Amino acid sequence: MEVEKNNRINFLFEFYGSLLTKKQRNYMQLYYADDYSLGEIAENYAVSRQAVYDNIKRTVQILEDYEEKLHTYGDFLARNHQTDRLMEYVKNNYSQDQTLLQLVSNLESIEEE
C-alpha cells in the first residue's frame, strides 16, 4: 500500500509540481524521489524535522486538491488504459494491418511523453 501511495504522489508531483513553490518542490523531490529522510531534509535546510513533515503533508494535500479539481492524473490513467486495450485489440484482430498497428503505436508513444 505504501508503494502505491508513493507512486501516486510521485505522479501527482510530476503533473502538478510546477504549481508548487520552490521550497515545496525541493522537499517533495528530496523526500519522495531522492528518498531522503525527514531528518536529512531538516538538516539540509536548518529547520526542524516537524517543519519538514508539516510542509510535506500540506504539499501532498495541495497535490491531491489539484487532482480533485483538474483530474489530469486520472485522465492520464484512463487514456493509458484505453490505449492499452486498443493496442491489444488491434494486435489480436488486425495483426496484418501494418498501417493500423503503426497508428496505434504512435498513439502509445504520445501517451508516454
Protein backbone atom coordinates (compact mmCIF):
# COMPACT_ATOMS: atom_id res chain seq x y z
CA MET A 1 0.00 0.00 0.00
CA GLU A 2 2.80 2.39 0.88
CA VAL A 3 4.45 1.84 -2.52
CA GLU A 4 1.17 2.60 -4.31
CA LYS A 5 0.74 5.78 -2.26
CA ASN A 6 4.30 6.89 -3.03
CA ASN A 7 3.82 6.16 -6.74
CA ARG A 8 0.60 8.20 -6.77
CA ILE A 9 2.28 11.13 -5.02
CA ASN A 10 5.23 10.97 -7.41
CA PHE A 11 2.86 11.06 -10.39
CA LEU A 12 0.88 13.95 -8.90
CA PHE A 13 4.16 15.74 -8.27
CA GLU A 14 5.17 15.16 -11.87
CA PHE A 15 1.88 16.57 -13.14
CA TYR A 16 1.45 19.49 -10.75
CA GLY A 17 4.94 20.16 -9.38
CA SER A 18 5.36 23.32 -11.40
CA LEU A 19 2.40 24.80 -9.49
CA LEU A 20 4.20 24.44 -6.16
CA THR A 21 6.62 26.83 -4.52
CA LYS A 22 10.33 26.18 -4.89
CA LYS A 23 10.57 25.08 -1.25
CA GLN A 24 7.66 22.66 -1.68
CA ARG A 25 9.21 21.24 -4.84
CA ASN A 26 12.58 20.80 -3.14
CA TYR A 27 11.14 19.00 -0.11
CA MET A 28 8.97 16.74 -2.27
CA GLN A 29 11.86 15.94 -4.61
CA LEU A 30 14.15 15.05 -1.75
CA TYR A 31 11.60 13.05 0.22
CA TYR A 32 9.70 11.16 -2.47
CA ALA A 33 12.09 11.00 -5.43
CA ASP A 34 15.51 11.01 -3.77
CA ASP A 35 14.42 9.05 -0.65
CA TYR A 36 15.87 11.46 1.90
CA SER A 37 14.63 11.11 5.47
CA LEU A 38 12.79 13.93 7.21
CA GLY A 39 15.86 14.38 9.41
CA GLU A 40 18.21 14.70 6.44
CA ILE A 41 15.99 17.31 4.80
CA ALA A 42 15.66 19.20 8.10
CA GLU A 43 19.43 19.23 8.50
CA ASN A 44 19.98 20.48 4.93
CA TYR A 45 17.52 23.34 5.39
CA ALA A 46 18.32 24.10 9.05
CA VAL A 47 14.73 23.57 10.15
CA SER A 48 13.05 21.10 12.47
CA ARG A 49 12.02 17.65 11.37
CA GLN A 50 8.45 18.59 12.30
CA ALA A 51 8.59 21.62 9.98
CA VAL A 52 9.63 19.38 7.08
CA TYR A 53 6.92 16.85 7.93
CA ASP A 54 4.24 19.55 8.10
CA ASN A 55 5.36 21.09 4.81
CA ILE A 56 5.34 17.73 3.01
CA LYS A 57 1.96 16.79 4.46
CA ARG A 58 0.45 20.13 3.35
CA THR A 59 2.05 19.81 -0.07
CA VAL A 60 0.65 16.31 -0.60
CA GLN A 61 -2.81 17.68 0.27
CA ILE A 62 -2.30 20.52 -2.23
CA LEU A 63 -1.39 17.98 -4.93
CA GLU A 64 -4.48 15.91 -4.08
CA ASP A 65 -6.63 19.07 -4.25
CA TYR A 66 -5.24 19.90 -7.69
CA GLU A 67 -6.05 16.40 -8.88
CA GLU A 68 -9.55 16.56 -7.43
CA LYS A 69 -10.21 19.74 -9.40
CA LEU A 70 -8.27 19.09 -12.61
CA HIS A 71 -8.28 15.27 -12.98
CA THR A 72 -5.08 15.35 -15.04
CA TYR A 73 -3.61 12.22 -13.48
CA GLY A 74 -6.91 10.32 -13.54
CA ASP A 75 -7.47 11.23 -17.18
CA PHE A 76 -3.90 10.15 -17.99
CA LEU A 77 -4.53 6.74 -16.39
CA ALA A 78 -7.83 6.34 -18.24
CA ARG A 79 -6.25 7.24 -21.59
CA ASN A 80 -3.40 4.81 -20.99
CA HIS A 81 -5.82 2.05 -20.10
CA GLN A 82 -7.90 2.65 -23.23
CA THR A 83 -4.78 2.83 -25.40
CA ASP A 84 -3.58 -0.48 -23.97
CA ARG A 85 -6.96 -2.07 -24.70
CA LEU A 86 -6.96 -0.65 -28.23
CA MET A 87 -3.46 -1.94 -28.94
CA GLU A 88 -4.34 -5.40 -27.63
CA TYR A 89 -7.48 -5.48 -29.77
CA VAL A 90 -5.63 -4.36 -32.88
CA LYS A 91 -2.85 -6.91 -32.33
CA ASN A 92 -5.36 -9.72 -31.84
CA ASN A 93 -7.71 -8.83 -34.68
CA TYR A 94 -5.74 -6.77 -37.20
CA SER A 95 -2.19 -8.06 -36.84
CA GLN A 96 -1.63 -7.89 -40.61
CA ASP A 97 -2.67 -4.24 -40.95
CA GLN A 98 0.70 -2.53 -40.56
CA THR A 99 -0.75 0.95 -41.02
CA LEU A 100 -3.22 0.46 -38.18
CA LEU A 101 -0.53 -1.06 -35.97
CA GLN A 102 1.73 1.91 -36.66
CA LEU A 103 -1.02 4.42 -35.90
CA VAL A 104 -1.78 2.77 -32.56
CA SER A 105 1.93 2.55 -31.79
CA ASN A 106 2.22 6.29 -32.49
CA LEU A 107 -0.66 6.91 -30.10
CA GLU A 108 1.10 4.89 -27.42
CA SER A 109 4.32 6.85 -27.85
CA ILE A 110 2.46 10.15 -27.48
CA GLU A 111 0.99 8.93 -24.18
CA GLU A 112 4.45 8.02 -22.90
CA GLU A 113 5.85 11.52 -23.41
